Amino acid sequence: MIRLALSLILLCALSIISYAFDQTPFVVEKTFSKQQIHRVERQVRQQYGVKVRITVHNRNEQKEITNLSFVRYQKDGQRGGSCSSDKFGLLIITENGCKIADVGYEAKLATK
């Protein structure tokens, strides 16, 4: 009986640890289309259970995003955290918030 209980506890602990490390952040790159951004918004809502709004304010001649803002809403609908960049390079959305890098600094953000 004790052996079974310990096995179940160990199995649960491994599942939780595995789940925590399996939480891949969502990424928005400067080359993303409007449809790709909407897909990320839907995926974040499905995965994390919160609404997010990603707004592209500007694109350059190559149709790359140059100015972007991100707003995360709490589960009760109230506005939560946000981040933005007027020299946009990369957005990383995690379960607990967002990280954003200006163009040229994407690699530094990815290593944090």
Protein backbone atom coordinates (compact mmCIF):
# COMPACT_ATOMS: atom_id res chain seq x y z
CA MET A 1 0.00 0.00 0.00
CA ILE A 2 2.79 2.45 0.93
CA ARG A 3 4.67 1.43 -2.17
CA LEU A 4 1.63 2.19 -4.35
CA ALA A 5 1.13 5.58 -2.68
CA LEU A 6 4.79 6.49 -3.19
CA SER A 7 4.60 5.41 -6.82
CA LEU A 8 1.54 7.59 -7.38
CA ILE A 9 3.18 10.57 -5.70
CA LEU A 10 6.30 10.13 -7.80
CA LEU A 11 4.26 9.79 -10.98
CA CYS A 12 2.31 12.98 -10.18
CA ALA A 13 5.50 14.88 -9.38
CA LEU A 14 7.11 13.79 -12.65
CA SER A 15 3.99 14.78 -14.58
CA ILE A 16 3.95 18.24 -13.02
CA ILE A 17 7.67 18.77 -13.66
CA SER A 18 7.32 17.54 -17.23
CA TYR A 19 4.32 19.83 -17.79
CA ALA A 20 6.16 22.85 -16.38
CA PHE A 21 9.11 22.35 -18.72
CA ASP A 22 6.84 21.61 -21.67
CA GLN A 23 5.28 25.09 -21.55
CA THR A 24 6.82 26.48 -24.70
CA PRO A 25 6.47 30.24 -24.98
CA PHE A 26 4.69 31.73 -27.96
CA VAL A 27 6.72 33.90 -30.32
CA VAL A 28 5.83 36.75 -32.69
CA GLU A 29 8.50 37.72 -35.20
CA LYS A 30 8.70 40.87 -37.30
CA THR A 31 7.82 38.88 -40.44
CA PHE A 32 4.50 37.58 -39.06
CA SER A 33 1.35 38.20 -41.09
CA LYS A 34 -1.95 39.35 -39.62
CA GLN A 35 -3.21 35.75 -39.78
CA GLN A 36 -0.16 34.41 -37.92
CA ILE A 37 -0.66 37.00 -35.18
CA HIS A 38 -4.34 36.05 -34.80
CA ARG A 39 -3.30 32.39 -34.60
CA VAL A 40 -0.89 33.21 -31.75
CA GLU A 41 -3.65 35.12 -29.92
CA ARG A 42 -5.95 32.08 -30.20
CA GLN A 43 -3.21 29.66 -29.11
CA VAL A 44 -2.37 31.78 -26.05
CA ARG A 45 -6.05 31.86 -25.08
CA GLN A 46 -6.30 28.07 -25.45
CA GLN A 47 -3.00 27.29 -23.67
CA TYR A 48 -3.02 29.86 -20.85
CA GLY A 49 -6.74 30.64 -20.56
CA VAL A 50 -6.29 34.40 -20.92
CA LYS A 51 -7.11 36.87 -23.67
CA VAL A 52 -4.27 38.78 -25.28
CA ARG A 53 -4.31 41.53 -27.87
CA ILE A 54 -1.38 41.99 -30.24
CA THR A 55 -1.60 45.23 -32.21
CA VAL A 56 0.64 46.03 -35.15
CA HIS A 57 0.92 49.81 -35.40
CA ASN A 58 3.32 50.01 -38.31
CA ARG A 59 5.13 47.96 -40.98
CA ASN A 60 8.05 48.93 -43.22
CA GLU A 61 8.26 48.61 -47.02
CA GLN A 62 9.28 44.94 -46.66
CA LYS A 63 6.03 44.40 -44.70
CA GLU A 64 8.01 43.68 -41.51
CA ILE A 65 6.47 44.79 -38.23
CA THR A 66 8.27 47.87 -36.91
CA ASN A 67 5.90 49.01 -34.14
CA LEU A 68 3.91 46.56 -32.02
CA SER A 69 2.11 46.48 -28.69
CA PHE A 70 0.93 43.56 -26.58
CA VAL A 71 -1.73 43.56 -23.85
CA ARG A 72 -2.56 40.63 -21.62
CA TYR A 73 -5.92 40.45 -19.84
CA GLN A 74 -6.52 38.75 -16.54
CA LYS A 75 -9.00 35.90 -16.30
CA ASP A 76 -11.62 38.33 -14.93
CA GLY A 77 -11.26 40.47 -18.08
CA GLN A 78 -9.30 43.30 -16.47
CA ARG A 79 -6.27 44.60 -18.33
CA GLY A 80 -3.10 42.99 -17.02
CA GLY A 81 0.49 43.40 -18.17
CA SER A 82 1.66 44.86 -21.43
CA CYS A 83 4.78 45.53 -23.47
CA SER A 84 5.51 47.41 -26.67
CA SER A 85 8.30 48.40 -29.03
CA ASP A 86 8.59 51.08 -31.69
CA LYS A 87 11.68 49.31 -33.09
CA PHE A 88 10.15 45.86 -32.94
CA GLY A 89 12.26 42.75 -33.36
CA LEU A 90 10.74 39.88 -31.34
CA LEU A 91 7.92 39.21 -28.85
CA ILE A 92 7.94 36.23 -26.51
CA ILE A 93 4.71 35.42 -24.66
CA THR A 94 4.97 33.22 -21.58
CA GLU A 95 2.37 32.05 -19.12
CA ASN A 96 3.36 34.85 -16.74
CA GLY A 97 3.89 37.77 -19.11
CA CYS A 98 5.75 39.03 -22.12
CA LYS A 99 9.26 39.91 -23.21
CA ILE A 100 9.98 42.15 -26.15
CA ALA A 101 13.17 43.03 -27.99
CA ASP A 102 13.97 45.85 -30.35
CA VAL A 103 15.35 44.91 -33.74
CA GLY A 104 19.00 43.87 -33.39
CA TYR A 105 18.54 42.63 -29.80
CA GLU A 106 16.48 39.49 -30.47
CA ALA A 107 19.32 37.08 -29.61
CA LYS A 108 19.79 38.68 -26.20
CA LEU A 109 16.13 38.20 -25.41
CA ALA A 110 16.17 34.57 -26.50
CA THR A 111 19.04 33.79 -24.09
CA LYS A 112 17.35 35.28 -21.01
